[in-house]
């Protein structure tokens, strides 16, 4: 991810070079070369995705069309909330890199302490998923889009829930290729560690309204932002509600800064009438 941006745009190259000086691994090699087995480890994937997303944003800021662009809101799914806070001016890039690197490391450590699993549940109502979770001890981790709910938790509990959901008529239940049970109680120890790390982190009131995954509402008080970043790690994320909040406020055009086009795919399920522009690769900027 990001290699084409790094080679083509000095703004992107500057971001990667700065990140390389802030982390304790070769972030350029991880982004550009992988391998995939490395990037399924959240301690590496989180800073890699954050840096690539900000690199794409910086390229856009130098684009001629940026001058006529006035963002009303920023939001990011899970890890992406840190990207949104950085884009919105609440945290600096350096603070963002340090935060997501610590977040990824602590979540990996928590996953080793309490091995977990996540699975996407397709074609089932939330009430059915919650009933199965209550019976099995699994937890709802992400409410991403209509018909797409992610469950999380201890490995054996999620495996049991997968079987029960299939019996309950779920169209498909897909285990995710991630290294832990994120957004569940498996991450409790990571929350305690990140709370300490956040004590020294400077957060300002965002210049762009940031919609939190945790509440699906605007959060602009620095202390509340910190609390949301902590709680988000072991609570469900409200992505569909966050998108609907912005749509209800009149937003009709979204720009996704990320490697890949996952959020655009989710938006097609949430509201196919809104426009989504993806800016994460060189071909995207050529199209722009």
C-alpha atoms as a PDB file:
ATOM      1  CA  UNK A   1       0.000   0.000   0.000  1.00  0.00           C
ATOM      2  CA  UNK A   2       1.078   3.563  -0.733  1.00  0.00           C
ATOM      3  CA  UNK A   3       4.142   2.771  -2.855  1.00  0.00           C
ATOM      4  CA  UNK A   4       2.676   4.501  -5.920  1.00  0.00           C
ATOM      5  CA  UNK A   5       1.892   7.631  -3.875  1.00  0.00           C
ATOM      6  CA  UNK A   6       5.367   7.602  -2.313  1.00  0.00           C
ATOM      7  CA  UNK A   7       7.026   7.428  -5.742  1.00  0.00           C
ATOM      8  CA  UNK A   8       4.808  10.027  -7.420  1.00  0.00           C
ATOM      9  CA  UNK A   9       4.195  12.737  -4.816  1.00  0.00           C
ATOM     10  CA  UNK A  10       6.694  14.510  -2.538  1.00  0.00           C
ATOM     11  CA  UNK A  11       3.884  15.188  -0.043  1.00  0.00           C
ATOM     12  CA  UNK A  12       3.323  11.456   0.419  1.00  0.00           C
ATOM     13  CA  UNK A  13       7.045  10.713   0.556  1.00  0.00           C
ATOM     14  CA  UNK A  14       7.434  13.285   3.333  1.00  0.00           C
ATOM     15  CA  UNK A  15       4.718  11.581   5.387  1.00  0.00           C
ATOM     16  CA  UNK A  16       6.326   8.141   5.092  1.00  0.00           C
ATOM     17  CA  UNK A  17       9.782   9.480   5.896  1.00  0.00           C
ATOM     18  CA  UNK A  18       8.473  11.244   8.984  1.00  0.00           C
ATOM     19  CA  UNK A  19       6.631   8.116  10.120  1.00  0.00           C
ATOM     20  CA  UNK A  20       9.789   6.031   9.637  1.00  0.00           C
ATOM     21  CA  UNK A  21      11.524   8.225  12.209  1.00  0.00           C
ATOM     22  CA  UNK A  22       8.733   7.702  14.752  1.00  0.00           C
ATOM     23  CA  UNK A  23       8.184   3.928  14.777  1.00  0.00           C
ATOM     24  CA  UNK A  24      10.389   1.012  15.816  1.00  0.00           C
ATOM     25  CA  UNK A  25       9.970  -1.043  12.632  1.00  0.00           C
ATOM     26  CA  UNK A  26      10.506  -0.473   8.898  1.00  0.00           C
ATOM     27  CA  UNK A  27       7.121   1.031   8.118  1.00  0.00           C
ATOM     28  CA  UNK A  28       7.939   1.686   4.461  1.00  0.00           C
ATOM     29  CA  UNK A  29       8.853  -1.961   3.895  1.00  0.00           C
ATOM     30  CA  UNK A  30       5.705  -3.083   5.745  1.00  0.00           C
ATOM     31  CA  UNK A  31       3.475  -0.835   3.623  1.00  0.00           C
ATOM     32  CA  UNK A  32       5.143  -1.370   0.278  1.00  0.00           C
ATOM     33  CA  UNK A  33       6.144  -5.037   0.485  1.00  0.00           C
ATOM     34  CA  UNK A  34       4.117  -6.663   3.283  1.00  0.00           C
ATOM     35  CA  UNK A  35       4.030  -9.628   3.358  1.00  0.00           C
ATOM     36  CA  UNK A  36       0.307 -10.124   4.105  1.00  0.00           C
ATOM     37  CA  UNK A  37       1.155 -12.258   7.155  1.00  0.00           C
ATOM     38  CA  UNK A  38       2.898  -9.236   8.684  1.00  0.00           C
ATOM     39  CA  UNK A  39       0.001  -6.913   7.998  1.00  0.00           C
ATOM     40  CA  UNK A  40      -2.571  -9.190   9.620  1.00  0.00           C
ATOM     41  CA  UNK A  41      -0.782  -8.355  12.881  1.00  0.00           C
ATOM     42  CA  UNK A  42      -2.520  -5.275  14.203  1.00  0.00           C
ATOM     43  CA  UNK A  43       0.685  -3.787  15.670  1.00  0.00           C
ATOM     44  CA  UNK A  44       1.910  -3.329  12.089  1.00  0.00           C
ATOM     45  CA  UNK A  45      -1.344  -2.822  10.185  1.00  0.00           C
ATOM     46  CA  UNK A  46      -2.604   0.056  12.345  1.00  0.00           C
ATOM     47  CA  UNK A  47       0.308   2.465  11.799  1.00  0.00           C
ATOM     48  CA  UNK A  48       0.602   1.306   8.166  1.00  0.00           C
ATOM     49  CA  UNK A  49      -3.040   2.120   7.370  1.00  0.00           C
ATOM     50  CA  UNK A  50      -2.946   5.392   9.344  1.00  0.00           C
ATOM     51  CA  UNK A  51       0.181   6.644   7.561  1.00  0.00           C
ATOM     52  CA  UNK A  52      -1.069   5.630   4.102  1.00  0.00           C
ATOM     53  CA  UNK A  53      -4.404   7.372   4.708  1.00  0.00           C
ATOM     54  CA  UNK A  54      -2.747  10.606   5.837  1.00  0.00           C
ATOM     55  CA  UNK A  55      -0.342  10.438   2.888  1.00  0.00           C
ATOM     56  CA  UNK A  56      -3.345  10.304   0.528  1.00  0.00           C
ATOM     57  CA  UNK A  57      -4.953  13.233   2.359  1.00  0.00           C
ATOM     58  CA  UNK A  58      -1.781  15.317   2.020  1.00  0.00           C
ATOM     59  CA  UNK A  59      -1.648  14.595  -1.713  1.00  0.00           C
ATOM     60  CA  UNK A  60      -5.259  15.756  -2.034  1.00  0.00           C
ATOM     61  CA  UNK A  61      -4.470  18.977  -0.156  1.00  0.00           C
ATOM     62  CA  UNK A  62      -2.028  19.870  -2.946  1.00  0.00           C
ATOM     63  CA  UNK A  63      -4.564  19.051  -5.660  1.00  0.00           C
ATOM     64  CA  UNK A  64      -6.280  21.890  -7.519  1.00  0.00           C
ATOM     65  CA  UNK A  65      -9.731  20.603  -6.526  1.00  0.00           C
ATOM     66  CA  UNK A  66      -8.935  20.887  -2.815  1.00  0.00           C
ATOM     67  CA  UNK A  67      -9.366  24.672  -2.920  1.00  0.00           C
ATOM     68  CA  UNK A  68     -13.104  24.256  -3.596  1.00  0.00           C
ATOM     69  CA  UNK A  69     -13.527  21.513  -1.002  1.00  0.00           C
ATOM     70  CA  UNK A  70     -15.040  22.404   2.387  1.00  0.00           C
ATOM     71  CA  UNK A  71     -15.305  19.375   4.695  1.00  0.00           C
ATOM     72  CA  UNK A  72     -18.221  19.436   7.137  1.00  0.00           C
ATOM     73  CA  UNK A  73     -17.356  16.290   9.090  1.00  0.00           C
ATOM     74  CA  UNK A  74     -14.646  13.672   9.528  1.00  0.00           C
ATOM     75  CA  UNK A  75     -15.073  10.088  10.687  1.00  0.00           C
ATOM     76  CA  UNK A  76     -13.113   6.863  10.557  1.00  0.00           C
ATOM     77  CA  UNK A  77     -13.991   3.256  11.264  1.00  0.00           C
ATOM     78  CA  UNK A  78     -12.199   1.907  14.358  1.00  0.00           C
ATOM     79  CA  UNK A  79      -8.520   2.756  13.788  1.00  0.00           C
ATOM     80  CA  UNK A  80      -9.723   5.331  11.259  1.00  0.00           C
ATOM     81  CA  UNK A  81     -11.063   7.515  14.054  1.00  0.00           C
ATOM     82  CA  UNK A  82      -7.450   8.473  14.797  1.00  0.00           C
ATOM     83  CA  UNK A  83      -7.049   9.385  11.116  1.00  0.00           C
ATOM     84  CA  UNK A  84     -10.204  11.502  11.302  1.00  0.00           C
ATOM     85  CA  UNK A  85      -8.945  13.295  14.422  1.00  0.00           C
ATOM     86  CA  UNK A  86      -5.645  14.007  12.704  1.00  0.00           C
ATOM     87  CA  UNK A  87      -7.387  15.231   9.541  1.00  0.00           C
ATOM     88  CA  UNK A  88      -9.672  17.370  11.714  1.00  0.00           C
ATOM     89  CA  UNK A  89      -6.792  19.040  13.526  1.00  0.00           C
ATOM     90  CA  UNK A  90      -7.440  17.485  16.950  1.00  0.00           C
ATOM     91  CA  UNK A  91      -4.095  15.662  17.027  1.00  0.00           C
ATOM     92  CA  UNK A  92      -0.823  16.207  15.205  1.00  0.00           C
ATOM     93  CA  UNK A  93       0.541  13.657  12.756  1.00  0.00           C
ATOM     94  CA  UNK A  94       3.360  12.771  15.163  1.00  0.00           C
ATOM     95  CA  UNK A  95       0.887  12.247  18.020  1.00  0.00           C
ATOM     96  CA  UNK A  96      -1.301  10.186  15.708  1.00  0.00           C
ATOM     97  CA  UNK A  97       1.547   7.880  14.688  1.00  0.00           C
ATOM     98  CA  UNK A  98       2.583   7.374  18.310  1.00  0.00           C
ATOM     99  CA  UNK A  99      -1.018   6.714  19.346  1.00  0.00           C
ATOM    100  CA  UNK A 100      -1.871   4.156  16.645  1.00  0.00           C
ATOM    101  CA  UNK A 101       1.479   2.400  17.139  1.00  0.00           C
ATOM    102  CA  UNK A 102       0.783   2.051  20.869  1.00  0.00           C
ATOM    103  CA  UNK A 103      -2.828   1.078  20.179  1.00  0.00           C
ATOM    104  CA  UNK A 104      -1.763  -1.663  17.790  1.00  0.00           C
ATOM    105  CA  UNK A 105       0.888  -2.992  20.159  1.00  0.00           C
ATOM    106  CA  UNK A 106      -1.446  -3.061  23.160  1.00  0.00           C
ATOM    107  CA  UNK A 107      -4.215  -4.720  21.163  1.00  0.00           C
ATOM    108  CA  UNK A 108      -1.779  -7.384  19.966  1.00  0.00           C
ATOM    109  CA  UNK A 109      -0.670  -7.994  23.554  1.00  0.00           C
ATOM    110  CA  UNK A 110      -4.283  -8.248  24.689  1.00  0.00           C
ATOM    111  CA  UNK A 111      -4.964 -10.717  21.875  1.00  0.00           C
ATOM    112  CA  UNK A 112      -2.157 -12.949  23.135  1.00  0.00           C
ATOM    113  CA  UNK A 113      -3.529 -12.784  26.681  1.00  0.00           C
ATOM    114  CA  UNK A 114      -7.089 -13.578  25.593  1.00  0.00           C
ATOM    115  CA  UNK A 115      -7.086 -15.152  22.100  1.00  0.00           C
ATOM    116  CA  UNK A 116     -10.087 -13.898  20.203  1.00  0.00           C
ATOM    117  CA  UNK A 117     -11.842 -14.070  16.875  1.00  0.00           C
ATOM    118  CA  UNK A 118     -14.051 -11.827  14.765  1.00  0.00           C
ATOM    119  CA  UNK A 119     -16.622 -12.841  12.162  1.00  0.00           C
ATOM    120  CA  UNK A 120     -18.831 -10.921   9.750  1.00  0.00           C
ATOM    121  CA  UNK A 121     -22.490 -11.925   9.908  1.00  0.00           C
ATOM    122  CA  UNK A 122     -24.402 -11.277   6.696  1.00  0.00           C
ATOM    123  CA  UNK A 123     -28.158 -11.252   6.197  1.00  0.00           C
ATOM    124  CA  UNK A 124     -29.329 -11.409   9.817  1.00  0.00           C
ATOM    125  CA  UNK A 125     -31.141  -8.897  12.011  1.00  0.00           C
ATOM    126  CA  UNK A 126     -29.304  -7.358  14.964  1.00  0.00           C
ATOM    127  CA  UNK A 127     -31.865  -8.763  17.411  1.00  0.00           C
ATOM    128  CA  UNK A 128     -31.047 -12.317  16.259  1.00  0.00           C
ATOM    129  CA  UNK A 129     -27.297 -11.693  16.500  1.00  0.00           C
ATOM    130  CA  UNK A 130     -27.632 -10.202  19.989  1.00  0.00           C
ATOM    131  CA  UNK A 131     -29.735 -13.165  21.152  1.00  0.00           C
ATOM    132  CA  UNK A 132     -27.095 -15.623  19.904  1.00  0.00           C
ATOM    133  CA  UNK A 133     -24.322 -13.562  21.505  1.00  0.00           C
ATOM    134  CA  UNK A 134     -26.165 -13.537  24.802  1.00  0.00           C
ATOM    135  CA  UNK A 135     -26.482 -17.324  24.662  1.00  0.00           C
ATOM    136  CA  UNK A 136     -22.874 -18.014  23.649  1.00  0.00           C
ATOM    137  CA  UNK A 137     -20.889 -15.252  25.338  1.00  0.00           C
ATOM    138  CA  UNK A 138     -19.787 -13.709  22.029  1.00  0.00           C
ATOM    139  CA  UNK A 139     -20.163  -9.938  21.613  1.00  0.00           C
ATOM    140  CA  UNK A 140     -21.300  -7.525  18.914  1.00  0.00           C
ATOM    141  CA  UNK A 141     -18.159  -5.724  17.721  1.00  0.00           C
ATOM    142  CA  UNK A 142     -19.138  -3.627  14.699  1.00  0.00           C
ATOM    143  CA  UNK A 143     -22.416  -2.398  13.241  1.00  0.00           C
ATOM    144  CA  UNK A 144     -21.059  -1.592   9.794  1.00  0.00           C
ATOM    145  CA  UNK A 145     -24.018  -1.502   7.405  1.00  0.00           C
ATOM    146  CA  UNK A 146     -27.485  -2.974   6.888  1.00  0.00           C
ATOM    147  CA  UNK A 147     -27.101  -6.733   6.862  1.00  0.00           C
ATOM    148  CA  UNK A 148     -23.466  -6.625   7.957  1.00  0.00           C
ATOM    149  CA  UNK A 149     -22.713  -7.093  11.647  1.00  0.00           C
ATOM    150  CA  UNK A 150     -19.353  -8.180  13.042  1.00  0.00           C
ATOM    151  CA  UNK A 151     -19.221 -10.346  16.160  1.00  0.00           C
ATOM    152  CA  UNK A 152     -16.151 -10.589  18.365  1.00  0.00           C
ATOM    153  CA  UNK A 153     -14.844 -12.122  21.564  1.00  0.00           C
ATOM    154  CA  UNK A 154     -13.026 -15.156  22.887  1.00  0.00           C
ATOM    155  CA  UNK A 155     -12.240 -17.629  20.114  1.00  0.00           C
ATOM    156  CA  UNK A 156     -14.267 -20.545  21.422  1.00  0.00           C
ATOM    157  CA  UNK A 157     -17.302 -18.342  22.129  1.00  0.00           C
ATOM    158  CA  UNK A 158     -17.268 -16.783  18.659  1.00  0.00           C
ATOM    159  CA  UNK A 159     -16.858 -20.208  17.045  1.00  0.00           C
ATOM    160  CA  UNK A 160     -19.930 -21.404  18.939  1.00  0.00           C
ATOM    161  CA  UNK A 161     -21.814 -18.263  17.907  1.00  0.00           C
ATOM    162  CA  UNK A 162     -20.907 -18.873  14.257  1.00  0.00           C
ATOM    163  CA  UNK A 163     -22.551 -22.296  14.396  1.00  0.00           C
ATOM    164  CA  UNK A 164     -25.617 -20.968  16.209  1.00  0.00           C
ATOM    165  CA  UNK A 165     -26.009 -18.103  13.710  1.00  0.00           C
ATOM    166  CA  UNK A 166     -25.886 -20.520  10.783  1.00  0.00           C
ATOM    167  CA  UNK A 167     -28.584 -22.577  12.496  1.00  0.00           C
ATOM    168  CA  UNK A 168     -30.593 -19.369  13.010  1.00  0.00           C
ATOM    169  CA  UNK A 169     -30.585 -18.712   9.259  1.00  0.00           C
ATOM    170  CA  UNK A 170     -27.691 -16.295   8.706  1.00  0.00           C
ATOM    171  CA  UNK A 171     -26.990 -16.068   4.974  1.00  0.00           C
ATOM    172  CA  UNK A 172     -23.246 -16.199   5.581  1.00  0.00           C
ATOM    173  CA  UNK A 173     -20.861 -15.959   8.543  1.00  0.00           C
ATOM    174  CA  UNK A 174     -17.246 -15.204   7.581  1.00  0.00           C
ATOM    175  CA  UNK A 175     -14.356 -15.415  10.090  1.00  0.00           C
ATOM    176  CA  UNK A 176     -12.122 -12.367   9.623  1.00  0.00           C
ATOM    177  CA  UNK A 177      -8.378 -12.518   9.034  1.00  0.00           C
ATOM    178  CA  UNK A 178      -7.434 -10.468  12.093  1.00  0.00           C
ATOM    179  CA  UNK A 179      -5.201 -11.211  15.052  1.00  0.00           C
ATOM    180  CA  UNK A 180      -7.687 -10.801  17.897  1.00  0.00           C
ATOM    181  CA  UNK A 181     -11.178 -10.198  19.230  1.00  0.00           C
ATOM    182  CA  UNK A 182     -11.208  -6.433  18.787  1.00  0.00           C
ATOM    183  CA  UNK A 183     -14.068  -4.267  20.071  1.00  0.00           C
ATOM    184  CA  UNK A 184     -14.869  -6.828  22.748  1.00  0.00           C
ATOM    185  CA  UNK A 185     -13.912  -7.515  26.363  1.00  0.00           C
ATOM    186  CA  UNK A 186     -10.812  -9.308  25.011  1.00  0.00           C
ATOM    187  CA  UNK A 187      -9.359  -5.781  24.717  1.00  0.00           C
ATOM    188  CA  UNK A 188      -9.895  -4.766  28.362  1.00  0.00           C
ATOM    189  CA  UNK A 189      -6.167  -4.834  29.199  1.00  0.00           C
ATOM    190  CA  UNK A 190      -5.385  -2.768  26.071  1.00  0.00           C
ATOM    191  CA  UNK A 191      -7.851  -0.118  27.256  1.00  0.00           C
ATOM    192  CA  UNK A 192      -6.043   0.218  30.592  1.00  0.00           C
ATOM    193  CA  UNK A 193      -2.688   0.605  28.843  1.00  0.00           C
ATOM    194  CA  UNK A 194      -3.882   3.112  26.241  1.00  0.00           C
ATOM    195  CA  UNK A 195      -5.538   5.183  28.966  1.00  0.00           C
ATOM    196  CA  UNK A 196      -2.097   5.728  30.514  1.00  0.00           C
ATOM    197  CA  UNK A 197      -0.567   6.529  27.117  1.00  0.00           C
ATOM    198  CA  UNK A 198      -3.286   9.098  26.395  1.00  0.00           C
ATOM    199  CA  UNK A 199      -2.498  11.035  29.567  1.00  0.00           C
ATOM    200  CA  UNK A 200       0.530  12.583  27.869  1.00  0.00           C
ATOM    201  CA  UNK A 201      -1.149  13.073  24.495  1.00  0.00           C
ATOM    202  CA  UNK A 202      -2.207  16.569  23.459  1.00  0.00           C
ATOM    203  CA  UNK A 203      -5.705  16.715  21.996  1.00  0.00           C
ATOM    204  CA  UNK A 204      -7.281  19.968  20.843  1.00  0.00           C
ATOM    205  CA  UNK A 205     -10.800  20.843  19.813  1.00  0.00           C
ATOM    206  CA  UNK A 206     -11.079  19.719  16.158  1.00  0.00           C
ATOM    207  CA  UNK A 207     -11.402  22.357  13.451  1.00  0.00           C
ATOM    208  CA  UNK A 208     -13.656  19.910  11.546  1.00  0.00           C
ATOM    209  CA  UNK A 209     -16.489  18.199  13.402  1.00  0.00           C
ATOM    210  CA  UNK A 210     -15.449  14.603  14.133  1.00  0.00           C
ATOM    211  CA  UNK A 211     -18.184  11.984  14.479  1.00  0.00           C
ATOM    212  CA  UNK A 212     -17.233   9.299  16.988  1.00  0.00           C
ATOM    213  CA  UNK A 213     -17.722   5.567  16.327  1.00  0.00           C
ATOM    214  CA  UNK A 214     -18.668   5.110  19.944  1.00  0.00           C
ATOM    215  CA  UNK A 215     -21.597   7.537  20.022  1.00  0.00           C
ATOM    216  CA  UNK A 216     -22.386   8.254  16.335  1.00  0.00           C
ATOM    217  CA  UNK A 217     -22.373  11.920  17.297  1.00  0.00           C
ATOM    218  CA  UNK A 218     -20.055  14.923  17.200  1.00  0.00           C
ATOM    219  CA  UNK A 219     -17.455  14.858  19.949  1.00  0.00           C
ATOM    220  CA  UNK A 220     -15.254  17.947  20.262  1.00  0.00           C
ATOM    221  CA  UNK A 221     -14.222  18.123  23.918  1.00  0.00           C
ATOM    222  CA  UNK A 222     -10.602  16.894  24.248  1.00  0.00           C
ATOM    223  CA  UNK A 223     -11.239  14.904  27.427  1.00  0.00           C
ATOM    224  CA  UNK A 224     -14.298  13.223  25.926  1.00  0.00           C
ATOM    225  CA  UNK A 225     -12.349  12.397  22.763  1.00  0.00           C
ATOM    226  CA  UNK A 226      -9.765  10.628  24.927  1.00  0.00           C
ATOM    227  CA  UNK A 227     -12.442   8.630  26.729  1.00  0.00           C
ATOM    228  CA  UNK A 228     -14.039   7.631  23.422  1.00  0.00           C
ATOM    229  CA  UNK A 229     -10.688   6.447  22.055  1.00  0.00           C
ATOM    230  CA  UNK A 230     -10.284   4.237  25.110  1.00  0.00           C
ATOM    231  CA  UNK A 231     -13.816   2.813  25.218  1.00  0.00           C
ATOM    232  CA  UNK A 232     -13.977   2.255  21.474  1.00  0.00           C
ATOM    233  CA  UNK A 233     -11.392  -0.529  21.816  1.00  0.00           C
ATOM    234  CA  UNK A 234     -13.663  -2.822  23.841  1.00  0.00           C
ATOM    235  CA  UNK A 235     -17.100  -1.546  22.757  1.00  0.00           C
ATOM    236  CA  UNK A 236     -19.054  -1.917  19.530  1.00  0.00           C
ATOM    237  CA  UNK A 237     -18.476   0.638  16.765  1.00  0.00           C
ATOM    238  CA  UNK A 238     -21.513   2.409  15.319  1.00  0.00           C
ATOM    239  CA  UNK A 239     -20.387   2.990  11.737  1.00  0.00           C
ATOM    240  CA  UNK A 240     -23.787   2.791  10.060  1.00  0.00           C
ATOM    241  CA  UNK A 241     -25.287   5.204  12.590  1.00  0.00           C
ATOM    242  CA  UNK A 242     -22.305   7.559  12.159  1.00  0.00           C
ATOM    243  CA  UNK A 243     -22.848   7.679   8.399  1.00  0.00           C
ATOM    244  CA  UNK A 244     -26.589   8.179   8.764  1.00  0.00           C
ATOM    245  CA  UNK A 245     -25.944  11.051  11.200  1.00  0.00           C
ATOM    246  CA  UNK A 246     -23.905  12.893   8.554  1.00  0.00           C
ATOM    247  CA  UNK A 247     -26.362  12.096   5.776  1.00  0.00           C
ATOM    248  CA  UNK A 248     -29.192  13.499   7.913  1.00  0.00           C
ATOM    249  CA  UNK A 249     -27.102  16.667   8.312  1.00  0.00           C
ATOM    250  CA  UNK A 250     -27.139  17.056   4.533  1.00  0.00           C
ATOM    251  CA  UNK A 251     -23.859  15.459   3.438  1.00  0.00           C
ATOM    252  CA  UNK A 252     -24.162  13.977  -0.065  1.00  0.00           C
ATOM    253  CA  UNK A 253     -20.491  13.493  -0.979  1.00  0.00           C
ATOM    254  CA  UNK A 254     -17.948  11.480   1.000  1.00  0.00           C
ATOM    255  CA  UNK A 255     -14.235  11.084   0.318  1.00  0.00           C
ATOM    256  CA  UNK A 256     -12.515   7.920   1.525  1.00  0.00           C
ATOM    257  CA  UNK A 257      -8.796   8.251   2.248  1.00  0.00           C
ATOM    258  CA  UNK A 258      -7.593   4.704   2.751  1.00  0.00           C
ATOM    259  CA  UNK A 259      -5.805   1.803   1.103  1.00  0.00           C
ATOM    260  CA  UNK A 260      -8.745  -0.001  -0.477  1.00  0.00           C
ATOM    261  CA  UNK A 261     -12.401   0.877  -0.873  1.00  0.00           C
ATOM    262  CA  UNK A 262     -14.062  -0.881   2.054  1.00  0.00           C
ATOM    263  CA  UNK A 263     -15.975   2.166   3.300  1.00  0.00           C
ATOM    264  CA  UNK A 264     -17.363   2.873  -0.162  1.00  0.00           C
ATOM    265  CA  UNK A 265     -18.691  -0.681  -0.214  1.00  0.00           C
ATOM    266  CA  UNK A 266     -20.360  -0.181   3.154  1.00  0.00           C
ATOM    267  CA  UNK A 267     -21.895   3.099   2.007  1.00  0.00           C
ATOM    268  CA  UNK A 268     -23.539   1.360  -0.960  1.00  0.00           C
ATOM    269  CA  UNK A 269     -25.481  -0.663   1.596  1.00  0.00           C
ATOM    270  CA  UNK A 270     -26.176   2.314   3.908  1.00  0.00           C
ATOM    271  CA  UNK A 271     -27.310   4.814   1.246  1.00  0.00           C
ATOM    272  CA  UNK A 272     -26.499   4.074  -2.411  1.00  0.00           C
ATOM    273  CA  UNK A 273     -27.699   7.543  -3.447  1.00  0.00           C
ATOM    274  CA  UNK A 274     -24.750   9.406  -1.913  1.00  0.00           C
ATOM    275  CA  UNK A 275     -21.492   9.896  -3.807  1.00  0.00           C
ATOM    276  CA  UNK A 276     -18.239   8.372  -2.545  1.00  0.00           C
ATOM    277  CA  UNK A 277     -14.841   9.251  -4.023  1.00  0.00           C
ATOM    278  CA  UNK A 278     -11.945   6.972  -3.049  1.00  0.00           C
ATOM    279  CA  UNK A 279      -8.490   8.534  -2.890  1.00  0.00           C
ATOM    280  CA  UNK A 280      -5.940   5.940  -1.784  1.00  0.00           C
ATOM    281  CA  UNK A 281      -3.890   5.072  -4.850  1.00  0.00           C
ATOM    282  CA  UNK A 282      -2.230   6.811  -7.810  1.00  0.00           C
ATOM    283  CA  UNK A 283      -4.979   5.724 -10.203  1.00  0.00           C
ATOM    284  CA  UNK A 284      -7.548   7.445  -7.967  1.00  0.00           C
ATOM    285  CA  UNK A 285      -5.752  10.776  -8.281  1.00  0.00           C
ATOM    286  CA  UNK A 286      -5.359  10.307 -12.050  1.00  0.00           C
ATOM    287  CA  UNK A 287      -9.134   9.805 -12.240  1.00  0.00           C
ATOM    288  CA  UNK A 288      -9.679  12.922 -10.123  1.00  0.00           C
END
